Amino acid sequence: MTFPHDIRDMQSRVNNAVREHWKLFFFEGLLLAALGLGAIIVPPLASLAVTIFLGWVFLVSGIAGLALTLWARQMPGFWWSVISAALAIGAGVILLGRPLQGALTLTIVVGVYFLAEGVATIMYALEHRRELSERWSWLLVAGIFDIVIAGVIITGLPGSALWAIGLLVGINLLFGGASLIGMALAARGS
């Protein structure tokens, strides 16, 4: 059971660690922001890099999973584990062998995700409009924005496969870096 003084103690330790190492957080934030700007400026290259990275992740995890599965043959679910590892290896080989087609597939998945997320967010907003009073409209706007993003991505296929993943990753990196920079500067000043 966690007690309030334990939580305060943990928060204090985290604050002290951030204060002591604010320069590292600042440097990491600058690096992430620079990578994010690069991805935003050259989204086709970033899309290709993400696809290749994911290909390697699938391939290495599949090989490791297969090795572990073969090593522990007596474990329950052996064949399911073999199938899972083989799928990961296959996905990795496909993404590495045909990264442009892989980027197209990833873009389709991202477009469908934004569409589903937008619909779910709108339904959530409408369901909670009584309890959330005026604030439910922010959820509604977020859901509509997700659907607009999905529409731009899906209607732009296959051309959007060249920029969508890279742009979204770039935006994510830029905002992640900016938040780390802000946290580091706040920690420095405290």
C-alpha atoms as a PDB file:
ATOM      1  CA  MET A   1       0.000   0.000   0.000  1.00  0.00           C
ATOM      2  CA  THR A   2       1.345   3.412  -0.952  1.00  0.00           C
ATOM      3  CA  PHE A   3       1.072   6.198   1.596  1.00  0.00           C
ATOM      4  CA  PRO A   4       0.953   9.932   0.824  1.00  0.00           C
ATOM      5  CA  HIS A   5       4.355  10.508   2.442  1.00  0.00           C
ATOM      6  CA  ASP A   6       5.820   7.820   0.128  1.00  0.00           C
ATOM      7  CA  ILE A   7       4.419   9.632  -2.895  1.00  0.00           C
ATOM      8  CA  ARG A   8       5.751  12.990  -1.686  1.00  0.00           C
ATOM      9  CA  ASP A   9       9.145  11.394  -1.053  1.00  0.00           C
ATOM     10  CA  MET A  10       9.173   9.913  -4.563  1.00  0.00           C
ATOM     11  CA  GLN A  11       8.137  13.250  -6.108  1.00  0.00           C
ATOM     12  CA  SER A  12      10.884  14.980  -4.186  1.00  0.00           C
ATOM     13  CA  ARG A  13      13.477  12.506  -5.458  1.00  0.00           C
ATOM     14  CA  VAL A  14      12.302  12.918  -9.050  1.00  0.00           C
ATOM     15  CA  ASN A  15      12.409  16.710  -8.725  1.00  0.00           C
ATOM     16  CA  ASN A  16      15.919  16.553  -7.287  1.00  0.00           C
ATOM     17  CA  ALA A  17      17.093  14.229 -10.062  1.00  0.00           C
ATOM     18  CA  VAL A  18      15.684  16.511 -12.756  1.00  0.00           C
ATOM     19  CA  ARG A  19      17.225  19.570 -11.068  1.00  0.00           C
ATOM     20  CA  GLU A  20      20.630  17.863 -10.820  1.00  0.00           C
ATOM     21  CA  HIS A  21      20.597  16.708 -14.440  1.00  0.00           C
ATOM     22  CA  TRP A  22      18.728  19.539 -16.130  1.00  0.00           C
ATOM     23  CA  LYS A  23      21.534  19.982 -18.688  1.00  0.00           C
ATOM     24  CA  LEU A  24      21.093  16.391 -19.882  1.00  0.00           C
ATOM     25  CA  PHE A  25      17.344  16.873 -20.251  1.00  0.00           C
ATOM     26  CA  PHE A  26      17.981  20.142 -22.070  1.00  0.00           C
ATOM     27  CA  PHE A  27      20.441  18.474 -24.465  1.00  0.00           C
ATOM     28  CA  GLU A  28      18.050  15.574 -25.089  1.00  0.00           C
ATOM     29  CA  GLY A  29      15.266  18.075 -25.773  1.00  0.00           C
ATOM     30  CA  LEU A  30      17.425  19.967 -28.258  1.00  0.00           C
ATOM     31  CA  LEU A  31      18.352  16.709 -29.990  1.00  0.00           C
ATOM     32  CA  LEU A  32      14.736  15.542 -30.218  1.00  0.00           C
ATOM     33  CA  ALA A  33      13.573  18.950 -31.447  1.00  0.00           C
ATOM     34  CA  ALA A  34      16.309  19.029 -34.106  1.00  0.00           C
ATOM     35  CA  LEU A  35      15.421  15.509 -35.261  1.00  0.00           C
ATOM     36  CA  GLY A  36      11.756  16.496 -35.302  1.00  0.00           C
ATOM     37  CA  LEU A  37      12.463  19.580 -37.417  1.00  0.00           C
ATOM     38  CA  GLY A  38      14.530  17.440 -39.783  1.00  0.00           C
ATOM     39  CA  ALA A  39      11.681  14.954 -40.115  1.00  0.00           C
ATOM     40  CA  ILE A  40       9.205  17.789 -40.743  1.00  0.00           C
ATOM     41  CA  ILE A  41      11.485  19.355 -43.364  1.00  0.00           C
ATOM     42  CA  VAL A  42      12.200  16.044 -45.144  1.00  0.00           C
ATOM     43  CA  PRO A  43       9.237  13.769 -44.324  1.00  0.00           C
ATOM     44  CA  PRO A  44       9.901  11.195 -47.098  1.00  0.00           C
ATOM     45  CA  LEU A  45      13.308  10.430 -45.602  1.00  0.00           C
ATOM     46  CA  ALA A  46      11.826  10.215 -42.107  1.00  0.00           C
ATOM     47  CA  SER A  47       9.036   7.903 -43.349  1.00  0.00           C
ATOM     48  CA  LEU A  48      11.592   5.625 -44.936  1.00  0.00           C
ATOM     49  CA  ALA A  49      13.752   5.676 -41.783  1.00  0.00           C
ATOM     50  CA  VAL A  50      10.787   4.766 -39.566  1.00  0.00           C
ATOM     51  CA  THR A  51       9.835   1.909 -41.889  1.00  0.00           C
ATOM     52  CA  ILE A  52      13.373   0.529 -41.931  1.00  0.00           C
ATOM     53  CA  PHE A  53      13.674   0.904 -38.160  1.00  0.00           C
ATOM     54  CA  LEU A  54      10.404  -0.978 -37.640  1.00  0.00           C
ATOM     55  CA  GLY A  55      11.617  -3.650 -40.066  1.00  0.00           C
ATOM     56  CA  TRP A  56      14.711  -4.207 -37.933  1.00  0.00           C
ATOM     57  CA  VAL A  57      12.646  -4.205 -34.738  1.00  0.00           C
ATOM     58  CA  PHE A  58      10.332  -6.881 -36.120  1.00  0.00           C
ATOM     59  CA  LEU A  59      13.202  -8.949 -37.512  1.00  0.00           C
ATOM     60  CA  VAL A  60      15.336  -8.902 -34.359  1.00  0.00           C
ATOM     61  CA  SER A  61      12.380  -9.488 -32.039  1.00  0.00           C
ATOM     62  CA  GLY A  62      11.160 -12.335 -34.234  1.00  0.00           C
ATOM     63  CA  ILE A  63      14.566 -14.023 -34.306  1.00  0.00           C
ATOM     64  CA  ALA A  64      14.955 -13.599 -30.536  1.00  0.00           C
ATOM     65  CA  GLY A  65      11.437 -14.917 -29.965  1.00  0.00           C
ATOM     66  CA  LEU A  66      12.054 -17.912 -32.199  1.00  0.00           C
ATOM     67  CA  ALA A  67      15.345 -18.709 -30.468  1.00  0.00           C
ATOM     68  CA  LEU A  68      13.718 -18.498 -27.043  1.00  0.00           C
ATOM     69  CA  THR A  69      10.778 -20.598 -28.177  1.00  0.00           C
ATOM     70  CA  LEU A  70      13.029 -23.312 -29.581  1.00  0.00           C
ATOM     71  CA  TRP A  71      15.108 -23.238 -26.419  1.00  0.00           C
ATOM     72  CA  ALA A  72      11.982 -23.714 -24.238  1.00  0.00           C
ATOM     73  CA  ARG A  73      10.141 -26.287 -26.358  1.00  0.00           C
ATOM     74  CA  GLN A  74       8.346 -27.781 -23.384  1.00  0.00           C
ATOM     75  CA  MET A  75       6.481 -24.586 -22.592  1.00  0.00           C
ATOM     76  CA  PRO A  76       2.748 -24.482 -23.290  1.00  0.00           C
ATOM     77  CA  GLY A  77       1.761 -22.694 -26.485  1.00  0.00           C
ATOM     78  CA  PHE A  78       4.932 -23.710 -28.339  1.00  0.00           C
ATOM     79  CA  TRP A  79       3.377 -23.636 -31.820  1.00  0.00           C
ATOM     80  CA  TRP A  80       1.606 -20.330 -31.203  1.00  0.00           C
ATOM     81  CA  SER A  81       4.894 -18.836 -30.133  1.00  0.00           C
ATOM     82  CA  VAL A  82       6.597 -20.219 -33.262  1.00  0.00           C
ATOM     83  CA  ILE A  83       3.848 -18.702 -35.427  1.00  0.00           C
ATOM     84  CA  SER A  84       4.165 -15.344 -33.638  1.00  0.00           C
ATOM     85  CA  ALA A  85       7.945 -15.305 -34.112  1.00  0.00           C
ATOM     86  CA  ALA A  86       7.610 -16.287 -37.764  1.00  0.00           C
ATOM     87  CA  LEU A  87       5.111 -13.477 -38.352  1.00  0.00           C
ATOM     88  CA  ALA A  88       7.491 -10.956 -36.782  1.00  0.00           C
ATOM     89  CA  ILE A  89      10.385 -12.246 -38.896  1.00  0.00           C
ATOM     90  CA  GLY A  90       8.214 -12.115 -42.013  1.00  0.00           C
ATOM     91  CA  ALA A  91       7.058  -8.571 -41.268  1.00  0.00           C
ATOM     92  CA  GLY A  92      10.659  -7.506 -40.703  1.00  0.00           C
ATOM     93  CA  VAL A  93      11.874  -9.067 -43.938  1.00  0.00           C
ATOM     94  CA  ILE A  94       9.038  -7.466 -45.901  1.00  0.00           C
ATOM     95  CA  LEU A  95       9.587  -4.010 -44.388  1.00  0.00           C
ATOM     96  CA  LEU A  96      13.348  -4.209 -44.976  1.00  0.00           C
ATOM     97  CA  GLY A  97      13.010  -5.723 -48.451  1.00  0.00           C
ATOM     98  CA  ARG A  98      10.347  -3.309 -49.666  1.00  0.00           C
ATOM     99  CA  PRO A  99      10.476  -0.230 -47.444  1.00  0.00           C
ATOM    100  CA  LEU A 100       8.454   2.008 -49.792  1.00  0.00           C
ATOM    101  CA  GLN A 101       5.573  -0.471 -49.859  1.00  0.00           C
ATOM    102  CA  GLY A 102       6.007  -0.846 -46.105  1.00  0.00           C
ATOM    103  CA  ALA A 103       5.646   2.909 -45.693  1.00  0.00           C
ATOM    104  CA  LEU A 104       2.426   2.731 -47.715  1.00  0.00           C
ATOM    105  CA  THR A 105       1.062  -0.017 -45.472  1.00  0.00           C
ATOM    106  CA  LEU A 106       2.039   1.870 -42.322  1.00  0.00           C
ATOM    107  CA  THR A 107       0.380   4.999 -43.689  1.00  0.00           C
ATOM    108  CA  ILE A 108      -2.860   3.104 -44.338  1.00  0.00           C
ATOM    109  CA  VAL A 109      -2.779   1.750 -40.784  1.00  0.00           C
ATOM    110  CA  VAL A 110      -2.168   5.242 -39.374  1.00  0.00           C
ATOM    111  CA  GLY A 111      -4.986   6.700 -41.494  1.00  0.00           C
ATOM    112  CA  VAL A 112      -7.435   4.030 -40.320  1.00  0.00           C
ATOM    113  CA  TYR A 113      -6.277   4.568 -36.728  1.00  0.00           C
ATOM    114  CA  PHE A 114      -6.958   8.317 -36.910  1.00  0.00           C
ATOM    115  CA  LEU A 115     -10.379   7.641 -38.415  1.00  0.00           C
ATOM    116  CA  ALA A 116     -11.313   5.150 -35.682  1.00  0.00           C
ATOM    117  CA  GLU A 117      -9.867   7.373 -32.956  1.00  0.00           C
ATOM    118  CA  GLY A 118     -11.793  10.357 -34.272  1.00  0.00           C
ATOM    119  CA  VAL A 119     -15.101   8.490 -34.292  1.00  0.00           C
ATOM    120  CA  ALA A 120     -14.448   7.096 -30.801  1.00  0.00           C
ATOM    121  CA  THR A 121     -13.519  10.528 -29.454  1.00  0.00           C
ATOM    122  CA  ILE A 122     -16.646  12.118 -30.927  1.00  0.00           C
ATOM    123  CA  MET A 123     -18.824   9.373 -29.445  1.00  0.00           C
ATOM    124  CA  TYR A 124     -17.098   9.835 -26.082  1.00  0.00           C
ATOM    125  CA  ALA A 125     -17.701  13.581 -26.237  1.00  0.00           C
ATOM    126  CA  LEU A 126     -21.374  13.164 -27.082  1.00  0.00           C
ATOM    127  CA  GLU A 127     -21.809  10.558 -24.362  1.00  0.00           C
ATOM    128  CA  HIS A 128     -20.318  12.836 -21.728  1.00  0.00           C
ATOM    129  CA  ARG A 129     -21.644  16.220 -22.792  1.00  0.00           C
ATOM    130  CA  ARG A 130     -23.942  16.470 -19.760  1.00  0.00           C
ATOM    131  CA  GLU A 131     -21.267  15.604 -17.196  1.00  0.00           C
ATOM    132  CA  LEU A 132     -18.499  17.686 -18.747  1.00  0.00           C
ATOM    133  CA  SER A 133     -20.635  20.798 -19.369  1.00  0.00           C
ATOM    134  CA  GLU A 134     -18.766  23.124 -21.764  1.00  0.00           C
ATOM    135  CA  ARG A 135     -15.561  21.089 -21.810  1.00  0.00           C
ATOM    136  CA  TRP A 136     -17.026  18.276 -23.889  1.00  0.00           C
ATOM    137  CA  SER A 137     -16.686  20.456 -26.976  1.00  0.00           C
ATOM    138  CA  TRP A 138     -12.881  20.148 -26.779  1.00  0.00           C
ATOM    139  CA  LEU A 139     -13.246  16.384 -27.158  1.00  0.00           C
ATOM    140  CA  LEU A 140     -15.618  16.906 -30.073  1.00  0.00           C
ATOM    141  CA  VAL A 141     -13.126  19.209 -31.800  1.00  0.00           C
ATOM    142  CA  ALA A 142     -10.289  16.715 -31.187  1.00  0.00           C
ATOM    143  CA  GLY A 143     -12.375  13.930 -32.735  1.00  0.00           C
ATOM    144  CA  ILE A 144     -13.252  16.033 -35.767  1.00  0.00           C
ATOM    145  CA  PHE A 145      -9.575  16.976 -36.157  1.00  0.00           C
ATOM    146  CA  ASP A 146      -8.606  13.275 -36.079  1.00  0.00           C
ATOM    147  CA  ILE A 147     -11.131  12.531 -38.824  1.00  0.00           C
ATOM    148  CA  VAL A 148      -9.822  15.417 -40.930  1.00  0.00           C
ATOM    149  CA  ILE A 149      -6.253  14.092 -40.546  1.00  0.00           C
ATOM    150  CA  ALA A 150      -7.475  10.620 -41.529  1.00  0.00           C
ATOM    151  CA  GLY A 151      -9.245  12.066 -44.557  1.00  0.00           C
ATOM    152  CA  VAL A 152      -6.136  13.921 -45.719  1.00  0.00           C
ATOM    153  CA  ILE A 153      -3.982  10.807 -45.282  1.00  0.00           C
ATOM    154  CA  ILE A 154      -6.403   8.291 -46.819  1.00  0.00           C
ATOM    155  CA  THR A 155      -7.553  10.417 -49.766  1.00  0.00           C
ATOM    156  CA  GLY A 156      -3.933  11.307 -50.508  1.00  0.00           C
ATOM    157  CA  LEU A 157      -2.824   7.686 -50.873  1.00  0.00           C
ATOM    158  CA  PRO A 158      -0.477   6.504 -52.256  1.00  0.00           C
ATOM    159  CA  GLY A 159       1.272   9.897 -52.331  1.00  0.00           C
ATOM    160  CA  SER A 160       0.657  10.582 -48.635  1.00  0.00           C
ATOM    161  CA  ALA A 161       2.767   7.516 -47.822  1.00  0.00           C
ATOM    162  CA  LEU A 162       5.788   9.615 -48.741  1.00  0.00           C
ATOM    163  CA  TRP A 163       5.154  12.256 -46.085  1.00  0.00           C
ATOM    164  CA  ALA A 164       2.534  11.214 -43.513  1.00  0.00           C
ATOM    165  CA  ILE A 165       4.576   8.941 -41.234  1.00  0.00           C
ATOM    166  CA  GLY A 166       7.630  11.189 -41.365  1.00  0.00           C
ATOM    167  CA  LEU A 167       5.599  14.323 -40.676  1.00  0.00           C
ATOM    168  CA  LEU A 168       3.731  12.772 -37.746  1.00  0.00           C
ATOM    169  CA  VAL A 169       6.951  11.403 -36.240  1.00  0.00           C
ATOM    170  CA  GLY A 170       8.577  14.804 -36.753  1.00  0.00           C
ATOM    171  CA  ILE A 171       5.761  16.612 -34.988  1.00  0.00           C
ATOM    172  CA  ASN A 172       5.926  14.114 -32.134  1.00  0.00           C
ATOM    173  CA  LEU A 173       9.692  14.528 -31.777  1.00  0.00           C
ATOM    174  CA  LEU A 174       9.467  18.318 -31.959  1.00  0.00           C
ATOM    175  CA  PHE A 175       6.837  18.567 -29.228  1.00  0.00           C
ATOM    176  CA  GLY A 176       8.587  15.929 -27.106  1.00  0.00           C
ATOM    177  CA  GLY A 177      11.847  17.846 -27.405  1.00  0.00           C
ATOM    178  CA  ALA A 178      10.170  21.167 -26.619  1.00  0.00           C
ATOM    179  CA  SER A 179       8.581  19.685 -23.497  1.00  0.00           C
ATOM    180  CA  LEU A 180      11.956  18.359 -22.305  1.00  0.00           C
ATOM    181  CA  ILE A 181      13.556  21.757 -22.941  1.00  0.00           C
ATOM    182  CA  GLY A 182      10.776  23.446 -20.978  1.00  0.00           C
ATOM    183  CA  MET A 183      11.107  20.958 -18.120  1.00  0.00           C
ATOM    184  CA  ALA A 184      14.901  21.400 -18.031  1.00  0.00           C
ATOM    185  CA  LEU A 185      14.677  25.188 -17.976  1.00  0.00           C
ATOM    186  CA  ALA A 186      12.055  25.086 -15.239  1.00  0.00           C
ATOM    187  CA  ALA A 187      14.232  22.719 -13.209  1.00  0.00           C
ATOM    188  CA  ARG A 188      17.265  24.938 -13.681  1.00  0.00           C
ATOM    189  CA  GLY A 189      15.388  27.927 -12.346  1.00  0.00           C
ATOM    190  CA  SER A 190      14.019  26.157  -9.277  1.00  0.00           C
END
